[in-house]
Amino acid sequence: MNTSTKTRPRVTTGVGRLVRRLEIERRRWTRHEHPVVPTERAWRAGVAEGLRLAQIAIRKGV
């Protein structure tokens, strides 16, 4: 009998990986360590919102 066990977790591929990557990018865009001007803050919020909407569309399969 040949049994093998994997000690490493499975590498995720496809939609799950893409959604997780978008979440990481969204968090990076919403975080700001230094004071920013209001226009940059609004621009960053827009980018983060676009990434959030992309995640939703991917999950729904659009």
PDB file of N, CA and C in Angstrom:
ATOM      1  N   MET A   1       0.846  -1.178   0.000  1.00  0.00           N
ATOM      2  CA  MET A   1       0.000   0.000   0.000  1.00  0.00           C
ATOM      3  C   MET A   1       0.891   1.242   0.000  1.00  0.00           C
ATOM      4  N   ASN A   2       0.575   2.144  -0.870  1.00  0.00           N
ATOM      5  CA  ASN A   2       1.379   3.349  -1.003  1.00  0.00           C
ATOM      6  C   ASN A   2       0.555   4.543  -0.538  1.00  0.00           C
ATOM      7  N   THR A   3       0.897   5.084   0.594  1.00  0.00           N
ATOM      8  CA  THR A   3       0.197   6.268   1.096  1.00  0.00           C
ATOM      9  C   THR A   3       1.204   7.380   1.272  1.00  0.00           C
ATOM     10  N   SER A   4       0.792   8.545   0.926  1.00  0.00           N
ATOM     11  CA  SER A   4       1.669   9.698   1.107  1.00  0.00           C
ATOM     12  C   SER A   4       0.874  10.812   1.760  1.00  0.00           C
ATOM     13  N   THR A   5       1.535  11.497   2.626  1.00  0.00           N
ATOM     14  CA  THR A   5       0.884  12.625   3.291  1.00  0.00           C
ATOM     15  C   THR A   5       1.651  13.885   2.952  1.00  0.00           C
ATOM     16  N   LYS A   6       0.916  14.909   2.733  1.00  0.00           N
ATOM     17  CA  LYS A   6       1.537  16.195   2.442  1.00  0.00           C
ATOM     18  C   LYS A   6       1.609  16.989   3.739  1.00  0.00           C
ATOM     19  N   THR A   7       2.762  17.515   4.016  1.00  0.00           N
ATOM     20  CA  THR A   7       2.915  18.320   5.220  1.00  0.00           C
ATOM     21  C   THR A   7       2.682  19.794   4.930  1.00  0.00           C
ATOM     22  N   ARG A   8       2.842  20.185   3.674  1.00  0.00           N
ATOM     23  CA  ARG A   8       2.626  21.589   3.313  1.00  0.00           C
ATOM     24  C   ARG A   8       1.176  21.803   2.934  1.00  0.00           C
ATOM     25  N   PRO A   9       0.641  22.987   3.256  1.00  0.00           N
ATOM     26  CA  PRO A   9      -0.731  23.271   2.806  1.00  0.00           C
ATOM     27  C   PRO A   9      -0.771  23.397   1.287  1.00  0.00           C
ATOM     28  N   ARG A  10      -1.916  23.111   0.723  1.00  0.00           N
ATOM     29  CA  ARG A  10      -2.076  23.174  -0.726  1.00  0.00           C
ATOM     30  C   ARG A  10      -1.929  24.612  -1.217  1.00  0.00           C
ATOM     31  N   VAL A  11      -1.202  24.772  -2.284  1.00  0.00           N
ATOM     32  CA  VAL A  11      -1.045  26.087  -2.894  1.00  0.00           C
ATOM     33  C   VAL A  11      -2.346  26.413  -3.614  1.00  0.00           C
ATOM     34  N   THR A  12      -2.911  27.550  -3.259  1.00  0.00           N
ATOM     35  CA  THR A  12      -4.182  27.909  -3.878  1.00  0.00           C
ATOM     36  C   THR A  12      -3.942  28.505  -5.255  1.00  0.00           C
ATOM     37  N   THR A  13      -4.823  28.177  -6.157  1.00  0.00           N
ATOM     38  CA  THR A  13      -4.731  28.714  -7.508  1.00  0.00           C
ATOM     39  C   THR A  13      -6.103  29.204  -7.913  1.00  0.00           C
ATOM     40  N   GLY A  14      -6.138  29.930  -8.978  1.00  0.00           N
ATOM     41  CA  GLY A  14      -7.413  30.346  -9.537  1.00  0.00           C
ATOM     42  C   GLY A  14      -8.047  31.512  -8.812  1.00  0.00           C
ATOM     43  N   VAL A  15      -9.369  31.415  -8.678  1.00  0.00           N
ATOM     44  CA  VAL A  15     -10.163  32.532  -8.175  1.00  0.00           C
ATOM     45  C   VAL A  15      -9.812  32.869  -6.734  1.00  0.00           C
ATOM     46  N   GLY A  16      -9.654  31.866  -5.889  1.00  0.00           N
ATOM     47  CA  GLY A  16      -9.332  32.125  -4.484  1.00  0.00           C
ATOM     48  C   GLY A  16      -8.049  32.910  -4.326  1.00  0.00           C
ATOM     49  N   ARG A  17      -7.059  32.527  -5.103  1.00  0.00           N
ATOM     50  CA  ARG A  17      -5.772  33.221  -5.050  1.00  0.00           C
ATOM     51  C   ARG A  17      -5.908  34.657  -5.539  1.00  0.00           C
ATOM     52  N   LEU A  18      -6.657  34.845  -6.608  1.00  0.00           N
ATOM     53  CA  LEU A  18      -6.853  36.182  -7.159  1.00  0.00           C
ATOM     54  C   LEU A  18      -7.593  37.081  -6.179  1.00  0.00           C
ATOM     55  N   VAL A  19      -8.648  36.553  -5.565  1.00  0.00           N
ATOM     56  CA  VAL A  19      -9.418  37.343  -4.603  1.00  0.00           C
ATOM     57  C   VAL A  19      -8.552  37.710  -3.404  1.00  0.00           C
ATOM     58  N   ARG A  20      -7.746  36.763  -2.930  1.00  0.00           N
ATOM     59  CA  ARG A  20      -6.867  37.053  -1.793  1.00  0.00           C
ATOM     60  C   ARG A  20      -5.849  38.126  -2.162  1.00  0.00           C
ATOM     61  N   ARG A  21      -5.309  38.061  -3.381  1.00  0.00           N
ATOM     62  CA  ARG A  21      -4.337  39.067  -3.825  1.00  0.00           C
ATOM     63  C   ARG A  21      -4.978  40.447  -3.931  1.00  0.00           C
ATOM     64  N   LEU A  22      -6.214  40.490  -4.430  1.00  0.00           N
ATOM     65  CA  LEU A  22      -6.927  41.769  -4.505  1.00  0.00           C
ATOM     66  C   LEU A  22      -7.172  42.342  -3.115  1.00  0.00           C
ATOM     67  N   GLU A  23      -7.481  41.486  -2.151  1.00  0.00           N
ATOM     68  CA  GLU A  23      -7.698  41.949  -0.780  1.00  0.00           C
ATOM     69  C   GLU A  23      -6.419  42.544  -0.200  1.00  0.00           C
ATOM     70  N   ILE A  24      -5.296  41.912  -0.461  1.00  0.00           N
ATOM     71  CA  ILE A  24      -4.014  42.441   0.015  1.00  0.00           C
ATOM     72  C   ILE A  24      -3.736  43.801  -0.612  1.00  0.00           C
ATOM     73  N   GLU A  25      -3.969  43.912  -1.913  1.00  0.00           N
ATOM     74  CA  GLU A  25      -3.742  45.189  -2.589  1.00  0.00           C
ATOM     75  C   GLU A  25      -4.695  46.272  -2.085  1.00  0.00           C
ATOM     76  N   ARG A  26      -5.954  45.904  -1.846  1.00  0.00           N
ATOM     77  CA  ARG A  26      -6.932  46.872  -1.348  1.00  0.00           C
ATOM     78  C   ARG A  26      -6.498  47.411   0.008  1.00  0.00           C
ATOM     79  N   ARG A  27      -6.045  46.529   0.877  1.00  0.00           N
ATOM     80  CA  ARG A  27      -5.579  46.981   2.196  1.00  0.00           C
ATOM     81  C   ARG A  27      -4.363  47.880   2.076  1.00  0.00           C
ATOM     82  N   ARG A  28      -3.488  47.573   1.128  1.00  0.00           N
ATOM     83  CA  ARG A  28      -2.305  48.405   0.933  1.00  0.00           C
ATOM     84  C   ARG A  28      -2.686  49.803   0.449  1.00  0.00           C
ATOM     85  N   TRP A  29      -3.705  49.892  -0.398  1.00  0.00           N
ATOM     86  CA  TRP A  29      -4.116  51.195  -0.917  1.00  0.00           C
ATOM     87  C   TRP A  29      -4.888  52.010   0.108  1.00  0.00           C
ATOM     88  N   THR A  30      -5.590  51.367   1.041  1.00  0.00           N
ATOM     89  CA  THR A  30      -6.363  52.127   2.029  1.00  0.00           C
ATOM     90  C   THR A  30      -5.499  52.599   3.186  1.00  0.00           C
ATOM     91  N   ARG A  31      -4.370  51.972   3.394  1.00  0.00           N
ATOM     92  CA  ARG A  31      -3.497  52.323   4.508  1.00  0.00           C
ATOM     93  C   ARG A  31      -2.556  53.451   4.075  1.00  0.00           C
ATOM     94  N   HIS A  32      -2.365  54.420   4.933  1.00  0.00           N
ATOM     95  CA  HIS A  32      -1.403  55.477   4.641  1.00  0.00           C
ATOM     96  C   HIS A  32      -0.760  55.912   5.949  1.00  0.00           C
ATOM     97  N   GLU A  33       0.562  55.853   5.970  1.00  0.00           N
ATOM     98  CA  GLU A  33       1.314  56.132   7.188  1.00  0.00           C
ATOM     99  C   GLU A  33       1.592  57.620   7.384  1.00  0.00           C
ATOM    100  N   HIS A  34       1.623  58.366   6.332  1.00  0.00           N
ATOM    101  CA  HIS A  34       1.959  59.783   6.421  1.00  0.00           C
ATOM    102  C   HIS A  34       0.745  60.617   6.023  1.00  0.00           C
ATOM    103  N   PRO A  35       0.697  61.869   6.451  1.00  0.00           N
ATOM    104  CA  PRO A  35      -0.435  62.717   6.061  1.00  0.00           C
ATOM    105  C   PRO A  35      -0.463  62.920   4.545  1.00  0.00           C
ATOM    106  N   VAL A  36      -1.650  62.815   3.979  1.00  0.00           N
ATOM    107  CA  VAL A  36      -1.797  62.990   2.534  1.00  0.00           C
ATOM    108  C   VAL A  36      -2.808  64.091   2.260  1.00  0.00           C
ATOM    109  N   VAL A  37      -2.685  64.690   1.105  1.00  0.00           N
ATOM    110  CA  VAL A  37      -3.626  65.737   0.716  1.00  0.00           C
ATOM    111  C   VAL A  37      -4.972  65.098   0.402  1.00  0.00           C
ATOM    112  N   PRO A  38      -6.068  65.855   0.536  1.00  0.00           N
ATOM    113  CA  PRO A  38      -7.401  65.280   0.308  1.00  0.00           C
ATOM    114  C   PRO A  38      -7.588  64.648  -1.068  1.00  0.00           C
ATOM    115  N   THR A  39      -6.976  65.224  -2.105  1.00  0.00           N
ATOM    116  CA  THR A  39      -7.158  64.630  -3.436  1.00  0.00           C
ATOM    117  C   THR A  39      -6.498  63.256  -3.528  1.00  0.00           C
ATOM    118  N   GLU A  40      -5.334  63.108  -2.907  1.00  0.00           N
ATOM    119  CA  GLU A  40      -4.682  61.795  -2.912  1.00  0.00           C
ATOM    120  C   GLU A  40      -5.487  60.801  -2.091  1.00  0.00           C
ATOM    121  N   ARG A  41      -6.037  61.251  -0.983  1.00  0.00           N
ATOM    122  CA  ARG A  41      -6.867  60.377  -0.150  1.00  0.00           C
ATOM    123  C   ARG A  41      -8.085  59.896  -0.935  1.00  0.00           C
ATOM    124  N   ALA A  42      -8.716  60.807  -1.665  1.00  0.00           N
ATOM    125  CA  ALA A  42      -9.886  60.438  -2.467  1.00  0.00           C
ATOM    126  C   ALA A  42      -9.493  59.481  -3.592  1.00  0.00           C
ATOM    127  N   TRP A  43      -8.343  59.726  -4.206  1.00  0.00           N
ATOM    128  CA  TRP A  43      -7.883  58.861  -5.281  1.00  0.00           C
ATOM    129  C   TRP A  43      -7.608  57.456  -4.764  1.00  0.00           C
ATOM    130  N   ARG A  44      -6.939  57.378  -3.606  1.00  0.00           N
ATOM    131  CA  ARG A  44      -6.647  56.073  -3.003  1.00  0.00           C
ATOM    132  C   ARG A  44      -7.935  55.344  -2.628  1.00  0.00           C
ATOM    133  N   ALA A  45      -8.911  56.081  -2.121  1.00  0.00           N
ATOM    134  CA  ALA A  45     -10.197  55.470  -1.774  1.00  0.00           C
ATOM    135  C   ALA A  45     -10.877  54.926  -3.024  1.00  0.00           C
ATOM    136  N   GLY A  46     -10.760  55.642  -4.128  1.00  0.00           N
ATOM    137  CA  GLY A  46     -11.338  55.177  -5.384  1.00  0.00           C
ATOM    138  C   GLY A  46     -10.679  53.901  -5.885  1.00  0.00           C
ATOM    139  N   VAL A  47      -9.357  53.831  -5.764  1.00  0.00           N
ATOM    140  CA  VAL A  47      -8.638  52.619  -6.165  1.00  0.00           C
ATOM    141  C   VAL A  47      -9.068  51.447  -5.289  1.00  0.00           C
ATOM    142  N   ALA A  48      -9.143  51.678  -3.982  1.00  0.00           N
ATOM    143  CA  ALA A  48      -9.546  50.615  -3.058  1.00  0.00           C
ATOM    144  C   ALA A  48     -10.964  50.145  -3.355  1.00  0.00           C
ATOM    145  N   GLU A  49     -11.858  51.065  -3.671  1.00  0.00           N
ATOM    146  CA  GLU A  49     -13.238  50.691  -3.997  1.00  0.00           C
ATOM    147  C   GLU A  49     -13.288  49.883  -5.292  1.00  0.00           C
ATOM    148  N   GLY A  50     -12.489  50.260  -6.267  1.00  0.00           N
ATOM    149  CA  GLY A  50     -12.436  49.498  -7.509  1.00  0.00           C
ATOM    150  C   GLY A  50     -11.943  48.078  -7.284  1.00  0.00           C
ATOM    151  N   LEU A  51     -10.948  47.920  -6.423  1.00  0.00           N
ATOM    152  CA  LEU A  51     -10.453  46.581  -6.102  1.00  0.00           C
ATOM    153  C   LEU A  51     -11.520  45.767  -5.374  1.00  0.00           C
ATOM    154  N   ARG A  52     -12.273  46.416  -4.501  1.00  0.00           N
ATOM    155  CA  ARG A  52     -13.345  45.726  -3.779  1.00  0.00           C
ATOM    156  C   ARG A  52     -14.426  45.250  -4.746  1.00  0.00           C
ATOM    157  N   LEU A  53     -14.810  46.105  -5.680  1.00  0.00           N
ATOM    158  CA  LEU A  53     -15.824  45.731  -6.664  1.00  0.00           C
ATOM    159  C   LEU A  53     -15.324  44.607  -7.579  1.00  0.00           C
ATOM    160  N   ALA A  54     -14.036  44.624  -7.891  1.00  0.00           N
ATOM    161  CA  ALA A  54     -13.471  43.540  -8.701  1.00  0.00           C
ATOM    162  C   ALA A  54     -13.561  42.212  -7.960  1.00  0.00           C
ATOM    163  N   GLN A  55     -13.300  42.235  -6.658  1.00  0.00           N
ATOM    164  CA  GLN A  55     -13.422  41.016  -5.857  1.00  0.00           C
ATOM    165  C   GLN A  55     -14.843  40.472  -5.908  1.00  0.00           C
ATOM    166  N   ILE A  56     -15.818  41.341  -5.747  1.00  0.00           N
ATOM    167  CA  ILE A  56     -17.221  40.922  -5.759  1.00  0.00           C
ATOM    168  C   ILE A  56     -17.581  40.319  -7.112  1.00  0.00           C
ATOM    169  N   ALA A  57     -17.150  40.964  -8.186  1.00  0.00           N
ATOM    170  CA  ALA A  57     -17.458  40.456  -9.524  1.00  0.00           C
ATOM    171  C   ALA A  57     -16.823  39.087  -9.758  1.00  0.00           C
ATOM    172  N   ILE A  58     -15.603  38.910  -9.282  1.00  0.00           N
ATOM    173  CA  ILE A  58     -14.925  37.624  -9.458  1.00  0.00           C
ATOM    174  C   ILE A  58     -15.645  36.538  -8.673  1.00  0.00           C
ATOM    175  N   ARG A  59     -16.034  36.843  -7.448  1.00  0.00           N
ATOM    176  CA  ARG A  59     -16.742  35.850  -6.632  1.00  0.00           C
ATOM    177  C   ARG A  59     -18.069  35.450  -7.262  1.00  0.00           C
ATOM    178  N   LYS A  60     -18.759  36.412  -7.874  1.00  0.00           N
ATOM    179  CA  LYS A  60     -20.046  36.117  -8.515  1.00  0.00           C
ATOM    180  C   LYS A  60     -19.865  35.422  -9.857  1.00  0.00           C
ATOM    181  N   GLY A  61     -18.672  35.491 -10.406  1.00  0.00           N
ATOM    182  CA  GLY A  61     -18.413  34.863 -11.693  1.00  0.00           C
ATOM    183  C   GLY A  61     -18.797  35.724 -12.870  1.00  0.00           C
ATOM    184  N   VAL A  62     -18.753  37.026 -12.674  1.00  0.00           N
ATOM    185  CA  VAL A  62     -19.114  37.953 -13.750  1.00  0.00           C
ATOM    186  C   VAL A  62     -17.945  38.103 -14.698  1.00  0.00           C
TER     187      VAL A  62
END
